[in-house]
Amino acid sequence: VTSQESAEHQEVRKEEGKKAIDKGLKLKKRVQKH
């Protein structure tokens, strides 16, 4: 694995992590409303 490939992989992981966190926050807000 080249250093650039690993760097791109980390960026993808970050994006996926942000999406997962956003989903979690939305679910929490939804639960709090009920």
PDB file of N, CA and C in Angstrom:
ATOM      1  N   VAL A   1       0.857  -1.203   0.000  1.00  0.00           N
ATOM      2  CA  VAL A   1       0.000   0.000   0.000  1.00  0.00           C
ATOM      3  C   VAL A   1       0.885   1.243   0.000  1.00  0.00           C
ATOM      4  N   THR A   2       0.657   2.143  -0.942  1.00  0.00           N
ATOM      5  CA  THR A   2       1.444   3.374  -0.987  1.00  0.00           C
ATOM      6  C   THR A   2       0.920   4.358   0.061  1.00  0.00           C
ATOM      7  N   SER A   3       1.746   5.349   0.381  1.00  0.00           N
ATOM      8  CA  SER A   3       1.336   6.323   1.404  1.00  0.00           C
ATOM      9  C   SER A   3       0.109   7.107   0.932  1.00  0.00           C
ATOM     10  N   GLN A   4       0.016   7.371  -0.380  1.00  0.00           N
ATOM     11  CA  GLN A   4      -1.139   8.120  -0.881  1.00  0.00           C
ATOM     12  C   GLN A   4      -2.405   7.283  -0.741  1.00  0.00           C
ATOM     13  N   GLU A   5      -2.309   5.983  -1.047  1.00  0.00           N
ATOM     14  CA  GLU A   5      -3.485   5.118  -0.928  1.00  0.00           C
ATOM     15  C   GLU A   5      -3.974   5.087   0.511  1.00  0.00           C
ATOM     16  N   SER A   6      -3.036   4.961   1.456  1.00  0.00           N
ATOM     17  CA  SER A   6      -3.436   4.910   2.865  1.00  0.00           C
ATOM     18  C   SER A   6      -4.047   6.245   3.287  1.00  0.00           C
ATOM     19  N   ALA A   7      -3.523   7.355   2.758  1.00  0.00           N
ATOM     20  CA  ALA A   7      -4.068   8.671   3.094  1.00  0.00           C
ATOM     21  C   ALA A   7      -5.497   8.783   2.579  1.00  0.00           C
ATOM     22  N   GLU A   8      -5.723   8.342   1.346  1.00  0.00           N
ATOM     23  CA  GLU A   8      -7.076   8.393   0.789  1.00  0.00           C
ATOM     24  C   GLU A   8      -8.001   7.501   1.604  1.00  0.00           C
ATOM     25  N   HIS A   9      -7.498   6.350   2.018  1.00  0.00           N
ATOM     26  CA  HIS A   9      -8.306   5.416   2.800  1.00  0.00           C
ATOM     27  C   HIS A   9      -8.729   6.073   4.112  1.00  0.00           C
ATOM     28  N   GLN A  10      -7.797   6.788   4.754  1.00  0.00           N
ATOM     29  CA  GLN A  10      -8.122   7.466   6.014  1.00  0.00           C
ATOM     30  C   GLN A  10      -9.209   8.510   5.787  1.00  0.00           C
ATOM     31  N   GLU A  11      -9.141   9.236   4.672  1.00  0.00           N
ATOM     32  CA  GLU A  11     -10.158  10.250   4.384  1.00  0.00           C
ATOM     33  C   GLU A  11     -11.524   9.598   4.244  1.00  0.00           C
ATOM     34  N   VAL A  12     -11.561   8.458   3.543  1.00  0.00           N
ATOM     35  CA  VAL A  12     -12.831   7.753   3.364  1.00  0.00           C
ATOM     36  C   VAL A  12     -13.370   7.311   4.720  1.00  0.00           C
ATOM     37  N   ARG A  13     -12.486   6.776   5.557  1.00  0.00           N
ATOM     38  CA  ARG A  13     -12.905   6.323   6.893  1.00  0.00           C
ATOM     39  C   ARG A  13     -13.473   7.503   7.681  1.00  0.00           C
ATOM     40  N   LYS A  14     -12.829   8.676   7.559  1.00  0.00           N
ATOM     41  CA  LYS A  14     -13.310   9.875   8.264  1.00  0.00           C
ATOM     42  C   LYS A  14     -14.715  10.230   7.798  1.00  0.00           C
ATOM     43  N   GLU A  15     -14.909  10.237   6.469  1.00  0.00           N
ATOM     44  CA  GLU A  15     -16.231  10.582   5.925  1.00  0.00           C
ATOM     45  C   GLU A  15     -17.281   9.606   6.434  1.00  0.00           C
ATOM     46  N   GLU A  16     -16.959   8.313   6.398  1.00  0.00           N
ATOM     47  CA  GLU A  16     -17.914   7.303   6.867  1.00  0.00           C
ATOM     48  C   GLU A  16     -18.194   7.512   8.350  1.00  0.00           C
ATOM     49  N   GLY A  17     -17.167   7.870   9.103  1.00  0.00           N
ATOM     50  CA  GLY A  17     -17.341   8.107  10.531  1.00  0.00           C
ATOM     51  C   GLY A  17     -18.280   9.277  10.777  1.00  0.00           C
ATOM     52  N   LYS A  18     -18.102  10.358  10.001  1.00  0.00           N
ATOM     53  CA  LYS A  18     -18.974  11.530  10.152  1.00  0.00           C
ATOM     54  C   LYS A  18     -20.416  11.148   9.861  1.00  0.00           C
ATOM     55  N   LYS A  19     -20.627  10.383   8.784  1.00  0.00           N
ATOM     56  CA  LYS A  19     -21.989   9.970   8.429  1.00  0.00           C
ATOM     57  C   LYS A  19     -22.604   9.150   9.556  1.00  0.00           C
ATOM     58  N   ALA A  20     -21.813   8.239  10.120  1.00  0.00           N
ATOM     59  CA  ALA A  20     -22.311   7.391  11.205  1.00  0.00           C
ATOM     60  C   ALA A  20     -22.674   8.252  12.411  1.00  0.00           C
ATOM     61  N   ILE A  21     -21.835   9.240  12.716  1.00  0.00           N
ATOM     62  CA  ILE A  21     -22.104  10.123  13.862  1.00  0.00           C
ATOM     63  C   ILE A  21     -23.372  10.936  13.592  1.00  0.00           C
ATOM     64  N   ASP A  22     -23.512  11.470  12.373  1.00  0.00           N
ATOM     65  CA  ASP A  22     -24.712  12.244  12.036  1.00  0.00           C
ATOM     66  C   ASP A  22     -25.951  11.386  12.217  1.00  0.00           C
ATOM     67  N   LYS A  23     -25.892  10.152  11.744  1.00  0.00           N
ATOM     68  CA  LYS A  23     -27.036   9.240  11.892  1.00  0.00           C
ATOM     69  C   LYS A  23     -27.348   9.047  13.365  1.00  0.00           C
ATOM     70  N   GLY A  24     -26.319   8.820  14.174  1.00  0.00           N
ATOM     71  CA  GLY A  24     -26.514   8.605  15.606  1.00  0.00           C
ATOM     72  C   GLY A  24     -27.155   9.816  16.263  1.00  0.00           C
ATOM     73  N   LEU A  25     -26.685  11.023  15.906  1.00  0.00           N
ATOM     74  CA  LEU A  25     -27.248  12.235  16.499  1.00  0.00           C
ATOM     75  C   LEU A  25     -28.708  12.398  16.091  1.00  0.00           C
ATOM     76  N   LYS A  26     -29.016  12.132  14.834  1.00  0.00           N
ATOM     77  CA  LYS A  26     -30.400  12.258  14.365  1.00  0.00           C
ATOM     78  C   LYS A  26     -31.298  11.286  15.119  1.00  0.00           C
ATOM     79  N   LEU A  27     -30.811  10.055  15.304  1.00  0.00           N
ATOM     80  CA  LEU A  27     -31.611   9.061  16.026  1.00  0.00           C
ATOM     81  C   LEU A  27     -31.836   9.523  17.462  1.00  0.00           C
ATOM     82  N   LYS A  28     -30.793  10.059  18.096  1.00  0.00           N
ATOM     83  CA  LYS A  28     -30.930  10.538  19.480  1.00  0.00           C
ATOM     84  C   LYS A  28     -31.982  11.639  19.547  1.00  0.00           C
ATOM     85  N   LYS A  29     -31.907  12.606  18.629  1.00  0.00           N
ATOM     86  CA  LYS A  29     -32.879  13.705  18.625  1.00  0.00           C
ATOM     87  C   LYS A  29     -34.283  13.161  18.452  1.00  0.00           C
ATOM     88  N   ARG A  30     -34.431  12.200  17.544  1.00  0.00           N
ATOM     89  CA  ARG A  30     -35.742  11.617  17.280  1.00  0.00           C
ATOM     90  C   ARG A  30     -36.295  10.969  18.555  1.00  0.00           C
ATOM     91  N   VAL A  31     -35.416  10.244  19.256  1.00  0.00           N
ATOM     92  CA  VAL A  31     -35.845   9.549  20.483  1.00  0.00           C
ATOM     93  C   VAL A  31     -36.236  10.574  21.543  1.00  0.00           C
ATOM     94  N   GLN A  32     -35.478  11.659  21.659  1.00  0.00           N
ATOM     95  CA  GLN A  32     -35.766  12.671  22.675  1.00  0.00           C
ATOM     96  C   GLN A  32     -37.111  13.350  22.414  1.00  0.00           C
ATOM     97  N   LYS A  33     -37.485  13.501  21.149  1.00  0.00           N
ATOM     98  CA  LYS A  33     -38.758  14.163  20.832  1.00  0.00           C
ATOM     99  C   LYS A  33     -39.934  13.350  21.346  1.00  0.00           C
ATOM    100  N   HIS A  34     -39.858  12.031  21.243  1.00  0.00           N
ATOM    101  CA  HIS A  34     -41.002  11.193  21.647  1.00  0.00           C
ATOM    102  C   HIS A  34     -41.236  11.260  23.140  1.00  0.00           C
TER     103      HIS A  34
END
